[in-house]
C-alpha atoms as a PDB file:
ATOM      1  CA  MET A   1       0.000   0.000   0.000  1.00  0.00           C
ATOM      2  CA  ILE A   2       1.356   3.414  -1.009  1.00  0.00           C
ATOM      3  CA  PRO A   3       0.892   5.978   1.814  1.00  0.00           C
ATOM      4  CA  LYS A   4       0.273   9.127  -0.276  1.00  0.00           C
ATOM      5  CA  ALA A   5      -0.001   9.974  -3.980  1.00  0.00           C
ATOM      6  CA  PHE A   6      -1.069  12.827  -6.262  1.00  0.00           C
ATOM      7  CA  LEU A   7      -3.602  12.434  -9.115  1.00  0.00           C
ATOM      8  CA  TYR A   8      -2.064  13.912 -12.284  1.00  0.00           C
ATOM      9  CA  PRO A   9      -2.989  15.745 -14.517  1.00  0.00           C
ATOM     10  CA  GLN A  10      -6.766  15.580 -13.888  1.00  0.00           C
ATOM     11  CA  SER A  11      -8.610  16.909 -10.847  1.00  0.00           C
ATOM     12  CA  ILE A  12     -11.411  14.300 -10.725  1.00  0.00           C
ATOM     13  CA  PHE A  13     -11.514  10.522 -11.167  1.00  0.00           C
ATOM     14  CA  PHE A  14     -11.975  10.206 -14.895  1.00  0.00           C
ATOM     15  CA  PRO A  15     -11.187   7.936 -16.711  1.00  0.00           C
ATOM     16  CA  ASP A  16     -12.982   5.332 -14.639  1.00  0.00           C
ATOM     17  CA  ARG A  17      -9.872   3.152 -14.379  1.00  0.00           C
ATOM     18  CA  SER A  18      -8.447   5.762 -11.993  1.00  0.00           C
ATOM     19  CA  LEU A  19     -10.776   4.283  -9.336  1.00  0.00           C
ATOM     20  CA  LYS A  20      -8.331   1.363  -9.063  1.00  0.00           C
ATOM     21  CA  PHE A  21      -5.989   3.712  -7.202  1.00  0.00           C
ATOM     22  CA  PHE A  22      -8.286   3.662  -4.165  1.00  0.00           C
ATOM     23  CA  GLU A  23      -7.359   0.015  -3.554  1.00  0.00           C
ATOM     24  CA  LEU A  24      -3.625   0.738  -3.527  1.00  0.00           C
ATOM     25  CA  VAL A  25      -3.190   4.218  -2.009  1.00  0.00           C
ATOM     26  CA  GLU A  26      -4.000   5.281   1.548  1.00  0.00           C
ATOM     27  CA  THR A  27      -4.414   9.012   0.782  1.00  0.00           C
ATOM     28  CA  ILE A  28      -4.972  10.548  -2.661  1.00  0.00           C
ATOM     29  CA  PHE A  29      -4.306  14.252  -3.202  1.00  0.00           C
ATOM     30  CA  VAL A  30      -6.133  16.172  -5.945  1.00  0.00           C
ATOM     31  CA  VAL A  31      -6.041  19.786  -7.156  1.00  0.00           C
ATOM     32  CA  GLU A  32      -9.028  21.720  -5.813  1.00  0.00           C
ATOM     33  CA  LEU A  33     -10.639  23.995  -8.395  1.00  0.00           C
ATOM     34  CA  PRO A  34     -13.892  25.879  -7.612  1.00  0.00           C
ATOM     35  CA  ASN A  35     -16.166  22.937  -8.553  1.00  0.00           C
ATOM     36  CA  THR A  36     -13.923  19.942  -7.800  1.00  0.00           C
ATOM     37  CA  LYS A  37     -15.468  18.979  -4.449  1.00  0.00           C
ATOM     38  CA  ARG A  38     -19.015  19.295  -5.783  1.00  0.00           C
ATOM     39  CA  ILE A  39     -18.251  17.040  -8.767  1.00  0.00           C
ATOM     40  CA  ILE A  40     -16.513  14.415  -6.651  1.00  0.00           C
ATOM     41  CA  GLU A  41     -19.255  14.397  -3.999  1.00  0.00           C
ATOM     42  CA  LYS A  42     -21.790  13.739  -6.759  1.00  0.00           C
ATOM     43  CA  HIS A  43     -20.024  10.396  -7.281  1.00  0.00           C
ATOM     44  CA  GLN A  44     -19.537   9.642  -3.588  1.00  0.00           C
ATOM     45  CA  LYS A  45     -21.290   6.266  -3.857  1.00  0.00           C
ATOM     46  CA  ARG A  46     -18.412   5.067  -6.034  1.00  0.00           C
ATOM     47  CA  LEU A  47     -15.595   6.713  -4.055  1.00  0.00           C
ATOM     48  CA  ASN A  48     -14.034   6.449  -0.632  1.00  0.00           C
ATOM     49  CA  LEU A  49     -14.051  10.141   0.254  1.00  0.00           C
ATOM     50  CA  ASP A  50     -12.134   9.485   3.479  1.00  0.00           C
ATOM     51  CA  LYS A  51      -9.062   8.779   1.353  1.00  0.00           C
ATOM     52  CA  LEU A  52      -9.104  12.187  -0.358  1.00  0.00           C
ATOM     53  CA  GLU A  53      -7.127  15.317   0.438  1.00  0.00           C
ATOM     54  CA  PHE A  54      -7.495  18.540  -1.571  1.00  0.00           C
ATOM     55  CA  LEU A  55      -4.603  20.770  -2.601  1.00  0.00           C
ATOM     56  CA  SER A  56      -6.108  24.247  -2.530  1.00  0.00           C
ATOM     57  CA  LEU A  57      -5.006  27.221  -4.585  1.00  0.00           C
ATOM     58  CA  ARG A  58      -3.334  30.096  -2.827  1.00  0.00           C
ATOM     59  CA  GLU A  59      -5.791  32.850  -1.890  1.00  0.00           C
ATOM     60  CA  THR A  60      -4.986  35.149  -4.819  1.00  0.00           C
ATOM     61  CA  LEU A  61      -5.483  32.302  -7.291  1.00  0.00           C
ATOM     62  CA  LYS A  62      -8.605  31.090  -5.534  1.00  0.00           C
ATOM     63  CA  SER A  63     -10.367  34.423  -6.065  1.00  0.00           C
ATOM     64  CA  MET A  64      -9.025  34.522  -9.622  1.00  0.00           C
ATOM     65  CA  ALA A  65     -10.521  31.097 -10.345  1.00  0.00           C
ATOM     66  CA  VAL A  66     -13.904  32.079  -8.911  1.00  0.00           C
ATOM     67  CA  ASN A  67     -13.950  35.167 -11.146  1.00  0.00           C
ATOM     68  CA  LEU A  68     -13.180  32.998 -14.191  1.00  0.00           C
ATOM     69  CA  GLN A  69     -16.129  30.659 -13.645  1.00  0.00           C
ATOM     70  CA  LYS A  70     -18.604  32.696 -15.705  1.00  0.00           C
ATOM     71  CA  LEU A  71     -16.149  32.908 -18.592  1.00  0.00           C
ATOM     72  CA  ALA A  72     -15.527  29.160 -18.411  1.00  0.00           C
ATOM     73  CA  HIS A  73     -19.261  28.381 -18.537  1.00  0.00           C
ATOM     74  CA  GLU A  74     -19.745  30.764 -21.470  1.00  0.00           C
ATOM     75  CA  LEU A  75     -16.882  29.140 -23.362  1.00  0.00           C
ATOM     76  CA  GLN A  76     -18.358  25.710 -22.731  1.00  0.00           C
ATOM     77  CA  ALA A  77     -21.857  26.747 -23.838  1.00  0.00           C
ATOM     78  CA  PHE A  78     -20.547  28.594 -26.894  1.00  0.00           C
ATOM     79  CA  GLY A  79     -18.393  25.612 -27.908  1.00  0.00           C
ATOM     80  CA  GLU A  80     -21.337  23.240 -27.565  1.00  0.00           C
ATOM     81  CA  TYR A  81     -23.468  25.541 -29.725  1.00  0.00           C
ATOM     82  CA  LEU A  82     -20.877  25.708 -32.504  1.00  0.00           C
ATOM     83  CA  ARG A  83     -20.614  21.930 -32.829  1.00  0.00           C
ATOM     84  CA  TYR A  84     -23.145  22.011 -35.668  1.00  0.00           C
ATOM     85  CA  PRO A  85     -22.532  23.593 -39.128  1.00  0.00           C
ATOM     86  CA  GLU A  86     -25.925  25.310 -39.081  1.00  0.00           C
ATOM     87  CA  SER A  87     -25.117  27.012 -35.774  1.00  0.00           C
ATOM     88  CA  PHE A  88     -21.708  28.062 -37.066  1.00  0.00           C
ATOM     89  CA  ARG A  89     -23.299  29.716 -40.122  1.00  0.00           C
ATOM     90  CA  TYR A  90     -25.937  31.435 -37.981  1.00  0.00           C
ATOM     91  CA  PHE A  91     -23.204  32.831 -35.747  1.00  0.00           C
ATOM     92  CA  PHE A  92     -21.473  34.553 -38.671  1.00  0.00           C
ATOM     93  CA  LEU A  93     -24.757  35.997 -39.916  1.00  0.00           C
ATOM     94  CA  HIS A  94     -25.865  37.389 -36.527  1.00  0.00           C
ATOM     95  CA  GLN A  95     -22.799  37.911 -34.367  1.00  0.00           C
ATOM     96  CA  GLU A  96     -24.362  40.862 -32.550  1.00  0.00           C
ATOM     97  CA  LEU A  97     -26.905  38.541 -30.927  1.00  0.00           C
ATOM     98  CA  PHE A  98     -24.140  36.403 -29.500  1.00  0.00           C
ATOM     99  CA  GLU A  99     -22.371  39.458 -28.118  1.00  0.00           C
ATOM    100  CA  GLU A 100     -25.405  40.010 -25.900  1.00  0.00           C
ATOM    101  CA  THR A 101     -25.672  36.349 -24.826  1.00  0.00           C
ATOM    102  CA  TYR A 102     -21.990  35.620 -24.224  1.00  0.00           C
ATOM    103  CA  VAL A 103     -20.974  38.922 -22.690  1.00  0.00           C
ATOM    104  CA  ASP A 104     -17.624  37.830 -21.251  1.00  0.00           C
ATOM    105  CA  LEU A 105     -16.513  36.338 -24.560  1.00  0.00           C
ATOM    106  CA  PHE A 106     -17.169  39.332 -26.781  1.00  0.00           C
ATOM    107  CA  ARG A 107     -16.803  42.422 -24.671  1.00  0.00           C
ATOM    108  CA  GLU A 108     -13.466  44.182 -24.749  1.00  0.00           C
ATOM    109  CA  ARG A 109     -11.222  42.798 -22.046  1.00  0.00           C
ATOM    110  CA  LYS A 110      -7.547  42.636 -21.368  1.00  0.00           C
ATOM    111  CA  THR A 111      -5.600  39.544 -22.384  1.00  0.00           C
ATOM    112  CA  LEU A 112      -5.560  36.835 -19.751  1.00  0.00           C
ATOM    113  CA  CYS A 113      -2.342  36.584 -17.758  1.00  0.00           C
ATOM    114  CA  PRO A 114      -0.536  33.191 -17.712  1.00  0.00           C
ATOM    115  CA  LEU A 115      -2.090  32.233 -14.361  1.00  0.00           C
ATOM    116  CA  GLU A 116      -5.615  33.092 -15.541  1.00  0.00           C
ATOM    117  CA  ARG A 117      -5.144  31.208 -18.799  1.00  0.00           C
ATOM    118  CA  ALA A 118      -3.783  28.135 -16.981  1.00  0.00           C
ATOM    119  CA  LEU A 119      -6.675  28.156 -14.508  1.00  0.00           C
ATOM    120  CA  LEU A 120      -9.210  28.533 -17.308  1.00  0.00           C
ATOM    121  CA  ILE A 121      -7.732  25.551 -19.192  1.00  0.00           C
ATOM    122  CA  LEU A 122      -7.861  23.346 -16.082  1.00  0.00           C
ATOM    123  CA  MET A 123     -11.416  24.422 -15.276  1.00  0.00           C
ATOM    124  CA  LEU A 124     -12.594  23.661 -18.825  1.00  0.00           C
ATOM    125  CA  ALA A 125     -10.777  20.305 -18.730  1.00  0.00           C
ATOM    126  CA  GLU A 126     -12.563  19.488 -15.478  1.00  0.00           C
ATOM    127  CA  MET A 127     -15.913  20.333 -17.080  1.00  0.00           C
ATOM    128  CA  VAL A 128     -15.206  17.952 -19.956  1.00  0.00           C
ATOM    129  CA  ASP A 129     -14.041  15.223 -17.574  1.00  0.00           C
ATOM    130  CA  SER A 130     -17.129  15.709 -15.416  1.00  0.00           C
ATOM    131  CA  ASP A 131     -19.507  15.309 -18.369  1.00  0.00           C
ATOM    132  CA  LEU A 132     -17.660  12.215 -19.621  1.00  0.00           C
ATOM    133  CA  TRP A 133     -17.588  10.761 -16.103  1.00  0.00           C
ATOM    134  CA  ASP A 134     -21.374  11.207 -15.822  1.00  0.00           C
ATOM    135  CA  VAL A 135     -21.868   9.433 -19.151  1.00  0.00           C
ATOM    136  CA  THR A 136     -19.502   6.607 -18.198  1.00  0.00           C
ATOM    137  CA  SER A 137     -21.200   6.120 -14.827  1.00  0.00           C
ATOM    138  CA  ALA A 138     -24.632   6.081 -16.442  1.00  0.00           C
ATOM    139  CA  LEU A 139     -23.511   3.503 -19.020  1.00  0.00           C
ATOM    140  CA  LYS A 140     -22.035   1.262 -16.332  1.00  0.00           C
ATOM    141  CA  ASP A 141     -25.228   1.512 -14.268  1.00  0.00           C
ATOM    142  CA  PHE A 142     -27.249   0.735 -17.395  1.00  0.00           C
ATOM    143  CA  GLU A 143     -25.110  -2.313 -18.117  1.00  0.00           C
ATOM    144  CA  LYS A 144     -25.364  -3.562 -14.537  1.00  0.00           C
ATOM    145  CA  VAL A 145     -29.150  -3.209 -14.369  1.00  0.00           C
ATOM    146  CA  TRP A 146     -30.008  -4.503 -17.838  1.00  0.00           C
ATOM    147  CA  LYS A 147     -27.310  -7.085 -18.551  1.00  0.00           C
ATOM    148  CA  ASN A 148     -29.387  -9.998 -17.274  1.00  0.00           C
ATOM    149  CA  LEU A 149     -32.440  -8.781 -19.170  1.00  0.00           C
ATOM    150  CA  PHE A 150     -30.522  -8.598 -22.458  1.00  0.00           C
ATOM    151  CA  GLU A 151     -28.874 -11.970 -22.005  1.00  0.00           C
ATOM    152  CA  GLU A 152     -31.883 -13.902 -20.738  1.00  0.00           C
ATOM    153  CA  ARG A 153     -34.769 -12.342 -22.667  1.00  0.00           C
ATOM    154  CA  ILE A 154     -33.295 -10.775 -25.799  1.00  0.00           C
ATOM    155  CA  ILE A 155     -30.286 -12.803 -26.885  1.00  0.00           C
ATOM    156  CA  TYR A 156     -31.383 -15.879 -24.892  1.00  0.00           C
ATOM    157  CA  LYS A 157     -28.186 -16.694 -23.070  1.00  0.00           C
ATOM    158  CA  ASN A 158     -27.799 -20.297 -22.018  1.00  0.00           C
ATOM    159  CA  PRO A 159     -27.642 -20.225 -18.168  1.00  0.00           C
ATOM    160  CA  TYR A 160     -25.149 -23.106 -18.268  1.00  0.00           C
ATOM    161  CA  GLU A 161     -22.817 -21.359 -20.714  1.00  0.00           C
ATOM    162  CA  GLU A 162     -19.756 -19.846 -19.000  1.00  0.00           C
ATOM    163  CA  THR A 163     -18.493 -17.864 -22.003  1.00  0.00           C
ATOM    164  CA  PRO A 164     -19.510 -14.156 -21.818  1.00  0.00           C
ATOM    165  CA  SER A 165     -21.918 -13.065 -24.502  1.00  0.00           C
ATOM    166  CA  PRO A 166     -20.337 -11.419 -27.594  1.00  0.00           C
ATOM    167  CA  PHE A 167     -22.570  -8.392 -27.089  1.00  0.00           C
ATOM    168  CA  PHE A 168     -21.125  -7.399 -23.736  1.00  0.00           C
ATOM    169  CA  ARG A 169     -17.582  -8.451 -24.547  1.00  0.00           C
ATOM    170  CA  ALA A 170     -17.627  -6.092 -27.542  1.00  0.00           C
ATOM    171  CA  PHE A 171     -19.105  -3.324 -25.383  1.00  0.00           C
ATOM    172  CA  GLU A 172     -16.320  -3.628 -22.803  1.00  0.00           C
ATOM    173  CA  GLU A 173     -13.515  -3.830 -25.369  1.00  0.00           C
ATOM    174  CA  ALA A 174     -14.806  -0.685 -27.056  1.00  0.00           C
ATOM    175  CA  ASP A 175     -14.232   1.282 -23.848  1.00  0.00           C
ATOM    176  CA  THR A 176     -11.479   3.735 -24.845  1.00  0.00           C
ATOM    177  CA  GLU A 177     -11.805   6.439 -22.201  1.00  0.00           C
ATOM    178  CA  LYS A 178      -8.944   8.882 -22.151  1.00  0.00           C
ATOM    179  CA  LEU A 179      -8.135  12.428 -21.102  1.00  0.00           C
ATOM    180  CA  TRP A 180      -8.503  15.048 -23.807  1.00  0.00           C
ATOM    181  CA  ASN A 181      -5.842  17.658 -24.615  1.00  0.00           C
ATOM    182  CA  LEU A 182      -3.074  16.218 -22.479  1.00  0.00           C
ATOM    183  CA  ASN A 183      -0.467  18.738 -23.616  1.00  0.00           C
ATOM    184  CA  LEU A 184      -2.652  21.718 -22.698  1.00  0.00           C
ATOM    185  CA  ARG A 185      -3.337  20.267 -19.251  1.00  0.00           C
ATOM    186  CA  VAL A 186       0.342  19.582 -18.597  1.00  0.00           C
ATOM    187  CA  GLN A 187       1.403  23.070 -19.667  1.00  0.00           C
ATOM    188  CA  ALA A 188      -1.327  24.644 -17.525  1.00  0.00           C
ATOM    189  CA  LEU A 189      -0.276  22.594 -14.504  1.00  0.00           C
ATOM    190  CA  ARG A 190       3.344  23.671 -14.937  1.00  0.00           C
ATOM    191  CA  VAL A 191       2.079  27.176 -14.182  1.00  0.00           C
ATOM    192  CA  ILE A 192      -0.327  26.231 -11.386  1.00  0.00           C
ATOM    193  CA  LEU A 193       1.488  23.531  -9.376  1.00  0.00           C
ATOM    194  CA  PRO A 194       3.983  25.923  -7.727  1.00  0.00           C
ATOM    195  CA  GLU A 195       1.007  28.042  -6.615  1.00  0.00           C
ATOM    196  CA  LEU A 196      -0.763  25.260  -4.706  1.00  0.00           C
ATOM    197  CA  ASN A 197      -0.796  24.981  -0.942  1.00  0.00           C
ATOM    198  CA  TRP A 198       1.512  21.973  -0.427  1.00  0.00           C
ATOM    199  CA  LYS A 199       1.457  22.218   3.358  1.00  0.00           C
ATOM    200  CA  GLY A 200       0.926  18.731   4.729  1.00  0.00           C
ATOM    201  CA  ALA A 201       1.872  17.129   1.413  1.00  0.00           C
ATOM    202  CA  LYS A 202       5.619  17.708   1.301  1.00  0.00           C
ATOM    203  CA  ASP A 203       6.335  13.996   1.747  1.00  0.00           C
ATOM    204  CA  LEU A 204       4.480  13.090  -1.462  1.00  0.00           C
ATOM    205  CA  ASN A 205       6.630  11.194  -3.953  1.00  0.00           C
ATOM    206  CA  THR A 206       4.150   9.334  -6.203  1.00  0.00           C
ATOM    207  CA  LEU A 207       2.166  10.516  -9.229  1.00  0.00           C
ATOM    208  CA  LEU A 208      -1.050   8.706 -10.182  1.00  0.00           C
ATOM    209  CA  ILE A 209      -1.412   8.540 -13.970  1.00  0.00           C
ATOM    210  CA  THR A 210      -3.945   6.940 -16.320  1.00  0.00           C
ATOM    211  CA  GLU A 211      -2.475   7.802 -19.740  1.00  0.00           C
ATOM    212  CA  ARG A 212       0.323   5.820 -21.469  1.00  0.00           C
ATOM    213  CA  GLU A 213       1.111   8.829 -23.655  1.00  0.00           C
ATOM    214  CA  LEU A 214       1.785  10.957 -20.600  1.00  0.00           C
ATOM    215  CA  LEU A 215       3.927   8.231 -19.038  1.00  0.00           C
ATOM    216  CA  GLU A 216       6.149   8.196 -22.124  1.00  0.00           C
ATOM    217  CA  ASP A 217       6.612  11.963 -22.034  1.00  0.00           C
ATOM    218  CA  LEU A 218       7.406  12.080 -18.318  1.00  0.00           C
ATOM    219  CA  THR A 219       9.873   9.203 -18.338  1.00  0.00           C
ATOM    220  CA  GLU A 220      11.844  10.133 -21.448  1.00  0.00           C
ATOM    221  CA  GLY A 221      15.521  10.322 -20.456  1.00  0.00           C
ATOM    222  CA  MET A 222      14.779   9.041 -16.926  1.00  0.00           C
ATOM    223  CA  SER A 223      16.577   6.096 -15.296  1.00  0.00           C
ATOM    224  CA  LEU A 224      14.161   3.381 -14.176  1.00  0.00           C
ATOM    225  CA  GLU A 225      15.288   1.915 -10.866  1.00  0.00           C
ATOM    226  CA  ARG A 226      12.592  -0.723 -10.498  1.00  0.00           C
ATOM    227  CA  GLU A 227       9.184  -1.709 -11.800  1.00  0.00           C
ATOM    228  CA  GLU A 228       6.496  -3.663  -9.977  1.00  0.00           C
ATOM    229  CA  LEU A 229       3.081  -4.929 -11.047  1.00  0.00           C
ATOM    230  CA  LEU A 230       0.942  -4.279  -7.955  1.00  0.00           C
ATOM    231  CA  THR A 231      -2.273  -5.740  -9.331  1.00  0.00           C
ATOM    232  CA  GLU A 232      -3.819  -6.436 -12.717  1.00  0.00           C
ATOM    233  CA  GLY A 233      -3.514  -3.313 -14.838  1.00  0.00           C
ATOM    234  CA  VAL A 234      -1.670  -1.238 -12.224  1.00  0.00           C
ATOM    235  CA  CYS A 235       2.111  -0.823 -12.304  1.00  0.00           C
ATOM    236  CA  LEU A 236       4.520   1.083 -10.049  1.00  0.00           C
ATOM    237  CA  LYS A 237       7.625   2.620 -11.626  1.00  0.00           C
ATOM    238  CA  VAL A 238      10.411   4.040  -9.461  1.00  0.00           C
ATOM    239  CA  PHE A 239      13.045   6.383 -10.929  1.00  0.00           C
ATOM    240  CA  ARG A 240      16.475   7.491  -9.765  1.00  0.00           C
ATOM    241  CA  GLU A 241      15.895  11.130 -10.707  1.00  0.00           C
ATOM    242  CA  SER A 242      13.206  13.554  -9.538  1.00  0.00           C
ATOM    243  CA  LEU A 243      10.190  14.055 -11.799  1.00  0.00           C
ATOM    244  CA  ASN A 244       9.734  17.645 -10.578  1.00  0.00           C
ATOM    245  CA  PRO A 245      11.419  19.300 -13.605  1.00  0.00           C
ATOM    246  CA  LYS A 246       9.089  17.329 -15.894  1.00  0.00           C
ATOM    247  CA  ILE A 247       5.936  18.629 -14.203  1.00  0.00           C
ATOM    248  CA  GLY A 248       7.158  22.151 -13.484  1.00  0.00           C
ATOM    249  CA  LEU A 249       7.460  21.835  -9.714  1.00  0.00           C
ATOM    250  CA  PRO A 250      10.490  23.493  -8.053  1.00  0.00           C
ATOM    251  CA  SER A 251      13.009  21.150  -6.447  1.00  0.00           C
ATOM    252  CA  GLU A 252      12.993  22.957  -3.110  1.00  0.00           C
ATOM    253  CA  PHE A 253      12.499  21.806   0.470  1.00  0.00           C
ATOM    254  CA  ASN A 254       8.977  23.265   0.751  1.00  0.00           C
ATOM    255  CA  TYR A 255       7.712  21.241  -2.239  1.00  0.00           C
ATOM    256  CA  PRO A 256       7.338  17.464  -2.552  1.00  0.00           C
ATOM    257  CA  SER A 257       9.858  15.555  -4.654  1.00  0.00           C
ATOM    258  CA  PHE A 258       8.224  13.059  -7.019  1.00  0.00           C
ATOM    259  CA  SER A 259      10.228  10.004  -8.076  1.00  0.00           C
ATOM    260  CA  GLN A 260       7.521   7.340  -8.520  1.00  0.00           C
ATOM    261  CA  ILE A 261       4.664   6.823 -10.962  1.00  0.00           C
ATOM    262  CA  LEU A 262       1.698   4.529 -10.360  1.00  0.00           C
ATOM    263  CA  ILE A 263      -0.070   3.994 -13.667  1.00  0.00           C
ATOM    264  CA  THR A 264      -3.287   2.121 -14.422  1.00  0.00           C
ATOM    265  CA  TYR A 265      -3.916   0.818 -17.929  1.00  0.00           C
END
């Protein structure tokens, strides 16, 4: 059992395979954005909340993030509207109407500073993750409730047959959940991580990761000391060097020094 670890680079437990970490880590630290606790508590039936600790933003960033919430919601709504060609065409024909609806997007405003831009990226990423997590949870609940009905009454599964039905095997194999825009998240976190309140988390040394692509980027040029398969689909990798330069965290005494990665596939 790993004493403490930090979920990276997401702030909530999507993809669903990240839930495996709860079996192997005593305390999991996550970045606390304005809506993080609310989103996680919505899924409390599937989580052990006693194992969670939140890394809060420093006060100046906390107020900055709260002020950015309206802009983040407008960006999300505007992006969802423009998903369709007809909406895109209507926007170019009647832009003045959108200037009244999405005030923060179209009114004259100064360019966002690096901290504001990084916070906005992480908040939007959390929104996407939250929506995908809701969909994933609903699909899993649907499968759990209706699997017997499909097998027994629709595809007439033989109760003495041990082989899983092709229908559900195909459904499970098609599960390709992954984090979107990894590079943007990583670059945003390089700006934000030094600004978190790491008090009480200085002895952290393990990153929790769900993406193979990210693992490759973080470990390029690193010396692997040992590797251990802790359980099916979860592997611990220990490195000789610190991972701090890779994630943008200063290598100073008042910050944790990460040298391990726990990844779930």
